[in-house]
Amino acid sequence: MATYTSSETTKIKMINAAGELAAEVGIDNVSTRAVAERSGENIGSIHYHFGSKEGFFEAVVRDAVDGCVDKGFRNAMGELSNESTPEEFSQALRIVIAGEITSLFRSNRPDWHAQVIYQLLQRDDVLSDIFKAEVMNPDMSSTTRFFSLLDPEMSDEDVFLHGIALKMPIFVHAHYKKTFLKQLRVKEYSEDYLQKMEDLLVKQTQLLMGLPQD
């Protein structure tokens, strides 16, 4: 179990409080006073630990973004080449989908991460630039390379569309988690449900791209 200093504990509490509030009311509507009240910390702690309100919200975004960086995804894509076999493409595809599902639903990441990421996708500012630089652009480059290697004749538009279709159902399950769980009448997605999601996304892409099914 990880141990934290008093200073680290304070920062974690305030970041989580801000993330939860951002998920509820939107990043722009979160006040430092509300963060202090929810976290049970002094409002002056924000400036003491983060330098400024802007520095604090950058730390909140980085906490959400850090949880999105999937090195397994990038490594699996990076190992593919023109010489890779159809079986290797299928295996990489499985690694990508399983990794994304694990990151969002089988880990200890707080639910507010997905909500904040969704908001970043709709912004065009310094905060969204962090997400784009560290997650979105590298992941899109890897996905683009994957589909371009599979079908060099595929247009940029089609590559983009395939990449979005590949992972978007997972993100939607995270963003609309409360609504989906209510519809399913459960408290959490079961492992059986997550496995079915993984298999569905992998197999539909394998079939579409003419890859062997694993």
Foldseek 3Di string as FASTA:
>chain_A
DDDDDPLVVLLVLLLVLQLVVCLVPNNVPDDLVSSCVNSVHDSVSCCVNQVDPVSSVLVSLVVLLVLQDQVQLLVLLVVDDLPDDLVSLLVSLLSNLVSLLCSQAVDPDDLSSLSVLVNLVVDDDPSVVVNCVRPVVSNLVSQLSSVCSLPVVDDPVRSVVLSCLLCVVSSVCSSCVVVVCVVVVHDGQDPVNSVVVSLVSSVVVCVVSVGDRD
